[in-house]
N, C-alpha and C. Protein backbone atom coordinates (compact mmCIF):
# COMPACT_ATOMS: atom_id res chain seq x y z
N MET A 1 272.11 179.52 32.91
CA MET A 1 272.98 178.74 34.28
C MET A 1 271.96 177.25 34.03
N LEU A 2 273.11 176.46 34.62
CA LEU A 2 273.15 175.07 34.63
C LEU A 2 271.73 174.51 35.44
N LYS A 3 271.10 173.44 34.93
CA LYS A 3 269.83 173.48 35.62
C LYS A 3 269.73 172.20 34.97
N SER A 4 269.62 170.69 33.85
CA SER A 4 269.94 169.59 34.28
C SER A 4 270.74 168.92 33.73
N LEU A 5 270.40 167.54 34.18
CA LEU A 5 272.16 166.51 33.70
C LEU A 5 271.25 165.61 33.27
N ILE A 6 271.95 165.22 32.48
CA ILE A 6 270.99 164.15 31.50
C ILE A 6 272.49 162.58 31.15
N PHE A 7 271.84 162.08 31.22
CA PHE A 7 272.64 160.59 31.45
C PHE A 7 272.61 159.21 30.85
N ASP A 8 273.12 158.54 30.19
CA ASP A 8 272.63 157.67 29.19
C ASP A 8 272.83 156.83 29.87
N MET A 9 272.39 155.52 30.01
CA MET A 9 272.03 154.48 30.82
C MET A 9 273.01 153.75 31.24
N ASP A 10 273.56 152.51 30.26
CA ASP A 10 274.40 151.53 29.87
C ASP A 10 275.53 152.09 30.21
N GLY A 11 276.56 151.86 30.29
CA GLY A 11 278.05 152.41 30.72
C GLY A 11 278.16 153.70 31.64
N VAL A 12 276.68 154.91 31.62
CA VAL A 12 277.75 156.10 32.14
C VAL A 12 276.58 154.97 34.36
N LEU A 13 275.88 155.23 34.30
CA LEU A 13 275.15 154.58 35.26
C LEU A 13 275.82 152.92 35.60
N LEU A 14 275.56 152.42 34.78
CA LEU A 14 274.70 150.80 35.25
C LEU A 14 276.44 150.52 34.62
N ASP A 15 276.82 149.58 35.29
CA ASP A 15 277.92 148.46 33.89
C ASP A 15 277.39 146.93 33.53
N SER A 16 276.96 147.62 32.66
CA SER A 16 275.84 146.76 31.36
C SER A 16 275.59 145.58 30.59
N MET A 17 276.79 146.65 29.84
CA MET A 17 277.24 146.69 28.62
C MET A 17 277.86 145.19 28.45
N GLN A 18 278.49 144.61 28.81
CA GLN A 18 278.66 143.07 28.51
C GLN A 18 277.37 142.05 28.66
N SER A 19 276.66 142.29 29.76
CA SER A 19 276.03 141.74 29.90
C SER A 19 274.49 141.44 28.25
N HIS A 20 274.14 143.66 28.69
CA HIS A 20 273.28 143.56 27.28
C HIS A 20 274.21 143.13 25.71
N ALA A 21 275.82 142.59 25.28
CA ALA A 21 276.26 142.48 24.29
C ALA A 21 276.25 140.99 24.07
N ASP A 22 275.97 140.24 24.95
CA ASP A 22 275.82 138.86 24.82
C ASP A 22 274.54 138.48 25.53
N ALA A 23 273.65 138.91 25.28
CA ALA A 23 272.12 138.88 25.14
C ALA A 23 272.11 139.36 24.19
N TRP A 24 272.49 140.53 23.00
CA TRP A 24 272.62 140.39 21.41
C TRP A 24 272.79 138.80 21.12
N ILE A 25 274.17 139.07 21.52
CA ILE A 25 275.02 138.63 20.51
C ILE A 25 274.51 136.40 20.93
N GLN A 26 273.82 136.38 21.49
CA GLN A 26 272.71 135.26 21.07
C GLN A 26 271.96 135.11 20.62
N VAL A 27 271.02 136.53 20.41
CA VAL A 27 269.53 135.94 20.37
C VAL A 27 270.52 136.13 18.77
N SER A 28 271.55 136.95 18.53
CA SER A 28 271.44 137.04 16.62
C SER A 28 272.28 135.24 16.27
N ARG A 29 272.57 134.67 16.74
CA ARG A 29 273.14 133.56 16.89
C ARG A 29 271.98 132.75 16.24
N GLU A 30 271.14 132.85 17.07
CA GLU A 30 270.10 132.46 16.65
C GLU A 30 268.52 132.34 15.38
N TRP A 31 269.73 133.55 14.82
CA TRP A 31 268.53 133.94 13.57
C TRP A 31 270.64 133.83 12.12
N GLY A 32 270.55 132.94 13.05
CA GLY A 32 272.07 133.43 12.40
C GLY A 32 273.29 134.34 11.99
N VAL A 33 272.85 134.77 12.88
CA VAL A 33 274.12 135.93 12.51
C VAL A 33 275.23 136.29 13.72
N HIS A 34 276.23 136.33 13.27
CA HIS A 34 277.37 136.55 13.91
C HIS A 34 277.74 137.31 14.38
N VAL A 35 277.79 137.73 15.39
CA VAL A 35 278.49 139.02 15.85
C VAL A 35 278.90 139.63 17.11
N SER A 36 280.50 140.05 17.75
CA SER A 36 281.41 140.10 18.68
C SER A 36 280.67 141.27 19.91
N ARG A 37 281.43 141.18 20.39
CA ARG A 37 281.10 142.12 21.67
C ARG A 37 281.37 143.25 21.02
N ASP A 38 282.35 143.98 20.59
CA ASP A 38 283.06 144.30 19.77
C ASP A 38 282.44 145.06 19.17
N ASP A 39 281.44 144.97 17.86
CA ASP A 39 280.26 144.59 17.13
C ASP A 39 279.51 145.88 17.84
N ILE A 40 278.90 145.21 19.52
CA ILE A 40 277.71 145.79 20.12
C ILE A 40 277.95 146.88 19.99
N TYR A 41 279.73 147.30 20.68
CA TYR A 41 279.82 148.42 21.39
C TYR A 41 279.81 149.19 20.59
N GLU A 42 280.47 148.55 19.28
CA GLU A 42 280.35 149.78 18.17
C GLU A 42 279.00 150.59 18.48
N ILE A 43 277.68 150.21 18.32
CA ILE A 43 276.46 150.46 17.94
C ILE A 43 275.68 150.96 19.40
N GLU A 44 276.58 150.80 20.76
CA GLU A 44 275.84 151.82 21.83
C GLU A 44 274.95 152.43 21.88
N GLY A 45 273.40 152.39 22.94
CA GLY A 45 272.27 153.74 22.10
C GLY A 45 271.69 153.71 21.38
N ALA A 46 271.65 152.71 20.16
CA ALA A 46 271.09 152.74 19.03
C ALA A 46 270.05 151.73 19.46
N ASN A 47 268.43 152.44 19.72
CA ASN A 47 267.51 151.13 19.63
C ASN A 47 267.88 150.56 19.07
N HIS A 48 266.84 149.25 19.59
CA HIS A 48 266.80 148.26 18.57
C HIS A 48 266.73 148.60 17.34
N VAL A 49 265.74 148.95 16.79
CA VAL A 49 265.06 148.70 15.44
C VAL A 49 266.60 149.45 14.79
N LEU A 50 267.19 150.02 15.32
CA LEU A 50 268.39 150.28 14.69
C LEU A 50 269.36 149.55 15.03
N GLY A 51 269.87 149.17 15.42
CA GLY A 51 270.81 148.24 16.27
C GLY A 51 270.39 146.65 15.31
N LEU A 52 269.12 146.35 15.89
CA LEU A 52 269.34 145.30 14.64
C LEU A 52 269.01 145.58 12.97
N GLN A 53 268.75 146.79 12.77
CA GLN A 53 268.67 147.04 11.06
C GLN A 53 270.84 146.74 10.63
N TRP A 54 271.55 146.83 12.27
CA TRP A 54 272.93 147.49 11.62
C TRP A 54 273.16 146.61 11.41
N LEU A 55 273.33 144.94 13.17
CA LEU A 55 273.90 143.64 12.01
C LEU A 55 273.95 142.03 11.48
N PHE A 56 272.22 142.75 11.19
CA PHE A 56 271.75 142.28 9.69
C PHE A 56 272.22 142.83 8.48
N GLN A 57 273.07 143.54 8.37
CA GLN A 57 273.21 144.23 7.53
C GLN A 57 274.26 143.60 6.73
N LYS A 58 275.31 144.49 8.56
CA LYS A 58 276.84 143.32 8.59
C LYS A 58 277.29 142.65 8.20
N ALA A 59 275.71 141.23 8.33
CA ALA A 59 276.09 140.10 8.34
C ALA A 59 275.66 139.68 7.14
N GLY A 60 274.70 140.94 5.29
CA GLY A 60 274.67 140.70 4.59
C GLY A 60 272.92 139.85 4.86
N ARG A 61 272.44 140.08 5.76
CA ARG A 61 271.04 139.53 6.40
C ARG A 61 270.03 141.01 5.78
N ASP A 62 269.06 140.26 5.51
CA ASP A 62 267.24 141.54 5.63
C ASP A 62 266.56 141.12 6.22
N LEU A 63 266.54 141.99 7.27
CA LEU A 63 265.35 141.68 8.50
C LEU A 63 263.34 141.88 8.44
N ALA A 64 263.10 140.97 7.59
CA ALA A 64 261.58 141.83 8.02
C ALA A 64 261.09 142.66 9.52
N PRO A 65 259.99 143.57 9.19
CA PRO A 65 259.73 144.75 10.13
C PRO A 65 258.93 143.65 11.25
N GLU A 66 258.30 142.28 10.28
CA GLU A 66 257.67 141.69 11.31
C GLU A 66 258.18 140.28 12.59
N HIS A 67 259.65 141.03 11.78
CA HIS A 67 260.96 139.78 13.31
C HIS A 67 261.12 140.72 13.91
N TYR A 68 260.94 142.52 14.12
CA TYR A 68 261.16 142.91 15.71
C TYR A 68 260.79 142.47 16.81
N GLY A 69 259.89 142.32 16.90
CA GLY A 69 258.93 142.32 18.12
C GLY A 69 259.90 141.08 18.58
N PRO A 70 259.21 139.77 17.88
CA PRO A 70 259.57 137.85 18.59
C PRO A 70 261.24 137.72 18.88
N ILE A 71 262.73 139.09 18.24
CA ILE A 71 263.72 139.03 18.41
C ILE A 71 263.84 139.70 19.89
N LEU A 72 263.35 141.81 19.83
CA LEU A 72 263.99 142.05 20.56
C LEU A 72 262.99 141.22 22.41
N ALA A 73 261.74 140.66 22.67
CA ALA A 73 261.00 139.70 22.94
C ALA A 73 262.45 138.59 24.06
N ARG A 74 263.38 137.89 22.37
CA ARG A 74 263.88 137.31 23.01
C ARG A 74 265.04 137.82 23.45
N LYS A 75 265.09 139.07 23.01
CA LYS A 75 266.40 140.25 23.97
C LYS A 75 266.62 140.06 24.97
N VAL A 76 264.90 140.36 25.54
CA VAL A 76 264.84 140.81 26.82
C VAL A 76 265.15 139.61 27.46
N GLU A 77 264.25 138.53 27.48
CA GLU A 77 264.04 137.34 27.78
C GLU A 77 265.44 136.76 28.28
N ILE A 78 266.48 136.85 27.74
CA ILE A 78 267.88 136.77 27.42
C ILE A 78 269.18 137.06 28.39
N PHE A 79 268.84 138.27 28.07
CA PHE A 79 269.46 139.40 29.69
C PHE A 79 268.84 139.35 30.79
N SER A 80 267.45 138.98 31.06
CA SER A 80 266.87 139.27 32.39
C SER A 80 268.09 137.88 32.72
N SER A 81 267.42 137.02 32.16
CA SER A 81 268.51 135.33 33.07
C SER A 81 269.94 135.02 33.56
N MET A 82 270.24 136.08 32.53
CA MET A 82 271.80 135.97 33.23
C MET A 82 272.75 137.09 33.01
N ALA A 83 271.50 138.44 33.09
CA ALA A 83 273.03 139.97 33.61
C ALA A 83 273.09 139.90 34.59
N GLN A 84 274.42 140.75 33.91
CA GLN A 84 274.86 140.78 35.87
C GLN A 84 275.79 142.09 35.68
N VAL A 85 274.53 142.86 36.62
CA VAL A 85 274.70 144.34 36.14
C VAL A 85 274.91 145.43 37.33
N ARG A 86 275.51 146.04 37.72
CA ARG A 86 276.16 147.20 38.37
C ARG A 86 276.25 148.25 38.55
N PRO A 87 275.62 149.50 39.45
CA PRO A 87 276.48 150.16 39.16
C PRO A 87 277.45 150.84 39.42
N PHE A 88 278.13 152.03 39.15
CA PHE A 88 279.71 152.40 38.97
C PHE A 88 279.98 153.19 40.18
N GLU A 89 280.84 152.52 40.65
CA GLU A 89 281.57 153.27 41.81
C GLU A 89 281.59 154.91 42.26
N GLY A 90 280.70 155.36 43.53
CA GLY A 90 280.30 156.53 43.44
C GLY A 90 279.68 156.86 42.98
N ILE A 91 279.01 156.20 41.76
CA ILE A 91 277.88 157.35 41.16
C ILE A 91 276.32 157.53 41.94
N HIS A 92 276.04 156.69 43.21
CA HIS A 92 275.18 157.04 43.84
C HIS A 92 275.27 157.73 44.40
N GLY A 93 276.26 158.45 45.47
CA GLY A 93 276.44 159.69 46.06
C GLY A 93 276.26 160.54 45.17
N CYS A 94 277.41 160.52 44.22
CA CYS A 94 277.20 161.50 43.36
C CYS A 94 276.15 162.48 42.59
N LEU A 95 275.45 161.37 42.23
CA LEU A 95 273.68 161.41 42.30
C LEU A 95 273.07 161.92 43.00
N GLU A 96 273.12 161.23 44.16
CA GLU A 96 272.23 162.15 45.36
C GLU A 96 272.94 163.28 45.27
N LYS A 97 273.71 163.60 45.25
CA LYS A 97 273.94 165.68 45.79
C LYS A 97 273.18 166.03 44.02
N LEU A 98 273.89 165.81 43.65
CA LEU A 98 273.89 166.55 42.35
C LEU A 98 272.01 166.85 42.50
N GLY A 99 270.90 165.34 42.59
CA GLY A 99 269.51 165.51 42.66
C GLY A 99 269.52 166.94 43.51
N LYS A 100 269.75 167.59 44.56
CA LYS A 100 268.71 167.99 44.79
C LYS A 100 269.58 169.30 44.30
N LEU A 101 270.22 169.55 43.27
CA LEU A 101 270.21 170.80 42.91
C LEU A 101 269.87 170.85 41.33
N PHE A 102 270.06 170.04 40.35
CA PHE A 102 269.58 169.61 39.62
C PHE A 102 268.57 169.24 39.73
N ASP A 103 267.55 169.06 37.68
CA ASP A 103 266.76 168.22 37.52
C ASP A 103 267.43 167.24 37.21
N LEU A 104 267.40 165.58 37.51
CA LEU A 104 268.01 164.51 36.08
C LEU A 104 267.44 162.94 35.33
N ALA A 105 268.00 163.19 33.89
CA ALA A 105 267.39 162.51 33.31
C ALA A 105 268.28 161.40 33.13
N VAL A 106 267.37 159.91 32.13
CA VAL A 106 267.85 159.16 31.70
C VAL A 106 268.37 159.00 30.33
N VAL A 107 268.33 159.12 28.56
CA VAL A 107 268.28 158.70 27.83
C VAL A 107 269.08 158.50 27.39
N THR A 108 268.02 156.87 26.76
CA THR A 108 269.03 155.20 26.76
C THR A 108 268.12 154.67 25.20
N GLY A 109 269.67 154.53 25.04
CA GLY A 109 268.54 153.38 23.88
C GLY A 109 267.81 152.27 24.20
N SER A 110 268.11 151.78 25.85
CA SER A 110 267.53 150.22 25.66
C SER A 110 265.96 150.15 25.75
N GLU A 111 265.61 149.15 25.75
CA GLU A 111 264.33 148.93 25.70
C GLU A 111 263.31 149.25 27.05
N ARG A 112 262.51 150.01 27.09
CA ARG A 112 262.25 150.24 28.72
C ARG A 112 261.01 149.72 30.43
N VAL A 113 260.72 148.21 29.10
CA VAL A 113 260.82 146.98 30.38
C VAL A 113 261.54 146.81 31.05
N THR A 114 262.98 146.55 30.43
CA THR A 114 265.08 146.68 30.69
C THR A 114 264.44 147.84 31.56
N VAL A 115 264.86 148.91 31.15
CA VAL A 115 265.01 149.97 32.08
C VAL A 115 264.92 150.62 33.29
N MET A 116 263.32 150.28 33.31
CA MET A 116 262.28 150.57 34.07
C MET A 116 262.88 149.75 35.49
N ARG A 117 263.06 148.56 34.87
CA ARG A 117 263.00 147.41 36.33
C ARG A 117 264.86 147.95 36.91
N LEU A 118 265.48 148.79 35.76
CA LEU A 118 266.79 148.10 36.41
C LEU A 118 266.84 150.37 37.34
N LEU A 119 265.86 150.58 36.90
CA LEU A 119 265.86 152.01 37.39
C LEU A 119 265.68 152.14 39.02
N ASP A 120 264.43 150.95 39.10
CA ASP A 120 263.56 151.03 39.90
C ASP A 120 264.33 150.01 40.68
N GLU A 121 265.83 149.39 40.95
CA GLU A 121 266.34 147.94 41.44
C GLU A 121 267.34 149.53 41.82
N PHE A 122 267.84 150.16 40.67
CA PHE A 122 269.51 150.69 41.10
C PHE A 122 269.12 152.14 42.15
N PHE A 123 267.86 153.01 41.45
CA PHE A 123 268.12 154.24 41.02
C PHE A 123 266.37 154.52 41.41
N PRO A 124 265.71 154.46 42.45
CA PRO A 124 264.33 154.71 42.43
C PRO A 124 264.49 155.75 43.51
N GLY A 125 263.97 156.34 42.16
CA GLY A 125 263.33 158.10 42.40
C GLY A 125 264.56 159.33 41.90
N THR A 126 265.27 159.24 41.41
CA THR A 126 266.86 159.25 41.51
C THR A 126 266.09 160.47 40.11
N PHE A 127 265.12 159.75 38.81
CA PHE A 127 265.54 160.73 37.60
C PHE A 127 264.25 161.31 37.80
N ASP A 128 263.96 162.51 37.02
CA ASP A 128 262.45 163.33 36.53
C ASP A 128 261.70 163.06 35.46
N VAL A 129 263.11 162.12 34.24
CA VAL A 129 262.78 161.94 32.36
C VAL A 129 263.05 161.07 32.55
N VAL A 130 262.75 159.61 32.48
CA VAL A 130 263.29 158.52 30.93
C VAL A 130 262.87 158.77 29.89
N VAL A 131 264.07 158.46 29.32
CA VAL A 131 263.60 159.08 27.43
C VAL A 131 263.79 157.07 27.29
N CYS A 132 263.34 155.95 26.74
CA CYS A 132 263.44 155.06 26.46
C CYS A 132 264.29 155.07 24.50
N GLY A 133 264.47 153.63 24.31
CA GLY A 133 264.22 153.56 22.43
C GLY A 133 263.54 153.16 21.99
N ASP A 134 262.34 152.51 22.87
CA ASP A 134 261.30 152.33 22.22
C ASP A 134 260.01 153.54 21.99
N ASP A 135 260.75 155.25 23.17
CA ASP A 135 260.26 156.45 23.03
C ASP A 135 260.27 156.66 21.51
N VAL A 136 261.45 157.08 20.82
CA VAL A 136 260.82 157.37 20.19
C VAL A 136 261.35 156.78 18.51
N GLN A 137 260.55 157.43 17.45
CA GLN A 137 260.86 156.07 16.07
C GLN A 137 262.43 157.01 15.65
N ARG A 138 263.40 157.55 15.82
CA ARG A 138 264.52 157.84 15.25
C ARG A 138 265.14 157.71 16.48
N GLY A 139 265.99 156.74 17.11
CA GLY A 139 266.98 156.61 18.59
C GLY A 139 268.18 157.17 18.03
N LYS A 140 269.13 157.04 18.78
CA LYS A 140 270.76 157.33 18.70
C LYS A 140 271.42 156.65 17.17
N PRO A 141 272.46 157.18 16.84
CA PRO A 141 272.98 158.96 16.58
C PRO A 141 271.92 160.19 16.19
N PHE A 142 270.41 159.61 15.56
CA PHE A 142 270.16 160.75 15.84
C PHE A 142 269.93 161.52 17.13
N PRO A 143 268.89 162.76 17.04
CA PRO A 143 269.41 163.67 18.13
C PRO A 143 267.54 163.38 19.05
N ASP A 144 266.52 163.05 18.22
CA ASP A 144 265.35 162.86 18.56
C ASP A 144 265.44 162.65 20.08
N PRO A 145 266.14 161.23 20.39
CA PRO A 145 265.76 161.70 21.93
C PRO A 145 266.19 162.49 22.70
N TYR A 146 267.26 163.00 22.67
CA TYR A 146 268.07 163.97 24.05
C TYR A 146 266.59 165.39 23.64
N LEU A 147 266.69 165.77 22.02
CA LEU A 147 265.32 166.41 22.10
C LEU A 147 264.30 166.70 22.72
N LYS A 148 264.06 165.19 22.78
CA LYS A 148 262.34 164.23 23.06
C LYS A 148 262.72 164.91 24.82
N ALA A 149 263.80 164.86 26.00
CA ALA A 149 264.18 164.95 27.33
C ALA A 149 264.58 166.73 27.39
N VAL A 150 265.13 167.52 26.63
CA VAL A 150 264.88 168.65 26.42
C VAL A 150 263.48 169.09 26.62
N GLU A 151 262.64 168.42 26.28
CA GLU A 151 261.08 169.29 25.81
C GLU A 151 260.59 169.22 26.71
N MET A 152 260.85 168.12 27.69
CA MET A 152 259.65 166.97 28.69
C MET A 152 260.42 167.83 30.25
N LEU A 153 261.98 167.20 29.99
CA LEU A 153 262.20 169.02 31.17
C LEU A 153 261.69 170.69 31.79
N SER A 154 261.35 170.78 29.90
CA SER A 154 261.24 172.65 30.04
C SER A 154 261.82 172.95 30.57
N VAL A 155 263.45 172.43 29.79
CA VAL A 155 264.74 173.89 29.84
C VAL A 155 265.55 174.06 27.93
N LEU A 156 265.65 174.87 28.36
CA LEU A 156 267.10 175.64 26.72
C LEU A 156 268.14 174.52 27.05
N LYS A 157 268.79 174.29 25.89
CA LYS A 157 270.26 173.72 25.22
C LYS A 157 270.70 174.14 26.34
N GLU A 158 270.96 176.06 25.90
CA GLU A 158 272.41 176.04 26.70
C GLU A 158 272.34 175.26 28.69
N GLU A 159 271.35 175.13 28.57
CA GLU A 159 270.64 174.47 30.13
C GLU A 159 271.30 172.87 31.17
N CYS A 160 271.72 172.38 29.88
CA CYS A 160 271.67 171.23 29.84
C CYS A 160 273.30 170.29 29.67
N ILE A 161 273.63 169.60 29.89
CA ILE A 161 274.26 168.98 30.10
C ILE A 161 274.30 167.38 30.23
N VAL A 162 274.96 166.77 28.77
CA VAL A 162 274.60 165.44 28.04
C VAL A 162 276.00 164.06 29.01
N ILE A 163 275.78 163.34 30.03
CA ILE A 163 277.02 162.59 30.48
C ILE A 163 276.59 161.03 29.15
N GLU A 164 277.84 160.50 28.41
CA GLU A 164 277.45 159.73 27.44
C GLU A 164 278.84 159.04 27.47
N ASN A 165 278.45 157.09 26.50
CA ASN A 165 280.15 157.36 26.78
C ASN A 165 280.17 156.19 25.91
N ALA A 166 279.69 155.99 24.78
CA ALA A 166 279.63 155.50 23.25
C ALA A 166 279.51 156.88 21.61
N PRO A 167 279.95 156.49 21.14
CA PRO A 167 279.85 157.22 20.12
C PRO A 167 278.40 157.73 19.57
N MET A 168 277.98 156.36 19.17
CA MET A 168 276.38 156.68 18.54
C MET A 168 276.02 157.89 19.71
N GLY A 169 275.63 157.55 21.17
CA GLY A 169 274.90 159.10 21.57
C GLY A 169 276.07 159.76 21.63
N VAL A 170 277.50 160.03 22.13
CA VAL A 170 277.68 162.01 21.71
C VAL A 170 277.46 162.33 20.37
N GLU A 171 277.49 161.60 18.86
CA GLU A 171 276.74 161.73 18.27
C GLU A 171 275.62 162.13 18.11
N ALA A 172 274.60 161.77 18.60
CA ALA A 172 272.81 162.13 19.03
C ALA A 172 273.15 163.52 19.77
N ALA A 173 273.87 163.88 20.96
CA ALA A 173 273.63 164.39 21.50
C ALA A 173 274.45 165.73 20.54
N LYS A 174 275.68 166.26 20.01
CA LYS A 174 275.60 166.83 19.80
C LYS A 174 274.42 166.95 18.22
N SER A 175 274.11 166.81 17.75
CA SER A 175 273.65 166.61 16.71
C SER A 175 272.08 167.13 18.45
N ALA A 176 271.99 167.16 18.70
CA ALA A 176 270.79 168.37 19.51
C ALA A 176 271.33 169.57 19.69
N GLY A 177 272.61 169.73 19.99
CA GLY A 177 272.93 170.75 19.85
C GLY A 177 272.89 171.24 21.87
N LEU A 178 273.53 170.04 21.86
CA LEU A 178 273.66 169.39 23.68
C LEU A 178 275.56 169.75 23.61
N PHE A 179 276.02 170.71 24.89
CA PHE A 179 277.11 170.26 25.94
C PHE A 179 277.38 168.52 25.97
N CYS A 180 277.97 168.00 25.68
CA CYS A 180 278.74 166.79 25.58
C CYS A 180 280.30 166.44 26.25
N VAL A 181 279.00 165.23 27.88
CA VAL A 181 280.87 165.17 28.38
C VAL A 181 280.73 163.74 28.05
N GLY A 182 282.40 163.64 27.58
CA GLY A 182 282.38 161.87 27.17
C GLY A 182 283.15 161.13 28.17
N VAL A 183 282.69 159.98 28.45
CA VAL A 183 283.41 159.08 29.73
C VAL A 183 283.74 157.81 28.52
N PRO A 184 284.47 157.16 28.70
CA PRO A 184 285.34 155.70 27.40
C PRO A 184 284.88 154.60 28.71
N THR A 185 284.11 154.38 28.43
CA THR A 185 284.24 152.60 29.00
C THR A 185 284.56 151.57 28.50
N TYR A 186 283.75 152.31 27.22
CA TYR A 186 283.23 150.66 26.66
C TYR A 186 284.50 150.48 25.72
N VAL A 187 284.89 151.55 24.96
CA VAL A 187 285.85 152.02 23.66
C VAL A 187 286.41 153.23 24.49
N ALA A 188 287.66 152.98 23.13
CA ALA A 188 288.37 153.97 23.60
C ALA A 188 288.10 155.00 23.48
N ALA A 189 289.67 156.07 23.64
CA ALA A 189 288.72 157.81 23.91
C ALA A 189 288.71 158.29 22.74
N ASP A 190 289.37 157.79 21.79
CA ASP A 190 289.22 159.15 20.64
C ASP A 190 288.57 158.64 19.59
N LYS A 191 286.92 157.27 20.60
CA LYS A 191 286.39 157.07 19.43
C LYS A 191 285.01 158.21 20.19
N LEU A 192 285.27 159.23 21.53
CA LEU A 192 283.96 160.36 21.46
C LEU A 192 284.90 161.28 21.08
N SER A 193 285.34 161.63 20.19
CA SER A 193 286.13 163.32 19.96
C SER A 193 285.71 163.78 20.05
N LYS A 194 283.93 163.92 19.20
CA LYS A 194 283.02 164.58 19.27
C LYS A 194 282.58 165.12 20.62
N ALA A 195 282.47 164.77 21.48
CA ALA A 195 281.83 165.66 23.01
C ALA A 195 283.23 166.71 22.68
N ASP A 196 282.73 167.23 24.02
CA ASP A 196 283.17 168.45 24.27
C ASP A 196 284.03 167.71 25.09
N ILE A 197 283.96 167.25 26.43
CA ILE A 197 284.85 166.92 26.81
C ILE A 197 284.70 166.01 27.16
N VAL A 198 286.39 165.21 27.07
CA VAL A 198 286.14 163.31 27.24
C VAL A 198 287.10 163.04 28.41
N LEU A 199 286.27 162.33 29.34
CA LEU A 199 286.63 161.89 30.56
C LEU A 199 287.80 160.49 30.40
N ASP A 200 288.28 160.45 31.72
CA ASP A 200 289.51 159.41 32.21
C ASP A 200 289.13 158.81 32.88
N ASN A 201 287.93 158.26 33.19
CA ASN A 201 287.16 156.80 34.44
C ASN A 201 286.45 158.16 34.68
N HIS A 202 284.90 157.01 35.73
CA HIS A 202 284.00 157.09 36.13
C HIS A 202 284.65 158.75 37.83
N SER A 203 286.24 158.27 38.08
CA SER A 203 285.70 158.57 38.95
C SER A 203 286.50 160.35 38.01
N SER A 204 287.11 160.64 37.23
CA SER A 204 286.74 161.63 36.96
C SER A 204 285.38 162.71 36.40
N LEU A 205 284.59 161.85 36.24
CA LEU A 205 283.22 162.25 35.69
C LEU A 205 283.21 162.63 37.59
N SER A 206 282.84 161.94 38.27
CA SER A 206 282.33 162.20 40.16
C SER A 206 282.89 163.50 40.17
N ASP A 207 284.15 163.93 39.61
CA ASP A 207 284.67 165.21 40.86
C ASP A 207 284.71 166.15 39.72
N TYR A 208 284.75 165.85 37.94
CA TYR A 208 283.34 167.29 37.10
C TYR A 208 282.82 167.51 37.95
N LEU A 209 281.15 166.34 37.59
CA LEU A 209 280.07 166.95 37.19
C LEU A 209 279.40 167.37 38.86
N LEU A 210 280.43 167.87 40.62
CA LEU A 210 280.18 167.78 41.93
C LEU A 210 280.69 169.33 41.59
N ARG A 211 281.02 169.85 40.61
CA ARG A 211 282.10 170.41 40.86
C ARG A 211 280.86 172.21 39.82
N MET A 212 280.00 171.09 39.88
CA MET A 212 278.85 172.13 38.75
C MET A 212 278.68 172.69 39.89
N VAL A 213 278.24 172.23 41.44
CA VAL A 213 278.04 172.99 42.41
C VAL A 213 278.49 174.00 42.28
N PRO A 214 277.12 174.92 42.56
CA PRO A 214 277.84 176.86 42.30
C PRO A 214 279.17 176.61 44.35
N ASP A 215 279.72 177.55 44.29
CA ASP A 215 280.16 177.15 45.51
C ASP A 215 280.03 178.28 46.19
N HIS A 216 279.22 178.45 46.23
CA HIS A 216 277.74 179.07 47.83
C HIS A 216 277.23 178.08 48.31
N LEU A 217 277.17 177.02 47.19
CA LEU A 217 277.13 175.37 47.67
C LEU A 217 277.22 174.81 48.37
N SER A 218 278.67 175.05 48.06
CA SER A 218 279.24 172.97 48.45
C SER A 218 279.56 173.27 49.07
N GLU A 219 279.91 174.14 50.42
CA GLU A 219 280.74 174.10 51.49
C GLU A 219 279.98 172.53 52.41
N GLY A 220 280.57 171.57 53.26
CA GLY A 220 279.43 170.55 53.22
C GLY A 220 279.00 169.91 52.23
N PHE A 221 278.88 169.75 51.41
CA PHE A 221 278.20 169.09 50.22
C PHE A 221 279.03 168.72 49.33
N LYS A 222 279.57 169.13 49.36
CA LYS A 222 281.04 168.02 48.47
C LYS A 222 282.07 166.54 49.91
N ALA A 223 281.82 165.51 49.31
CA ALA A 223 282.50 164.35 49.25
C ALA A 223 283.78 164.44 49.28
């Protein structure tokens, strides 16, 4: 029986990845590394350590561990000063209905200081569990973030569904042994082919999730 729904944040709940990408592009350039939005979208979901390692390796550069903190702090500063973030259409109403029946969780590669600010602003009191990039040593595409969420939710793997929009996130969910729904927000649908099902868009996502409501509870419940 389904008990929990686990959502990625950026690209699933919030249309925010363009601002994240632009912040990473700016801070990377300050360190002499040039990347594109598509580069960032390819590694969406990775925590800052794995993401930084990938970006610098792509540029043929090594990055000393003591530089992770200053670069992340600068990225947070840039993102906070210029971010244009909004929830995807229909997601508020969908979560309000689903939250009456299921435990809801967020698993994201973003840093906790940013995650909690955005969740408090757009989805206050909505989520029972939040796992951020800095809560685990190995972030997406490793299974660790999703395994931690399952443990915190105190449910079985077969009692959860994950909603993801990024290749690394889908890989993490499947490596954790979880059913995964893909939504191609910023990448082509074929990039999410490892998901159990790939939907067309967020409208399809809301319809799909609301069909999880048991028939005997659905009358007067679905919008």
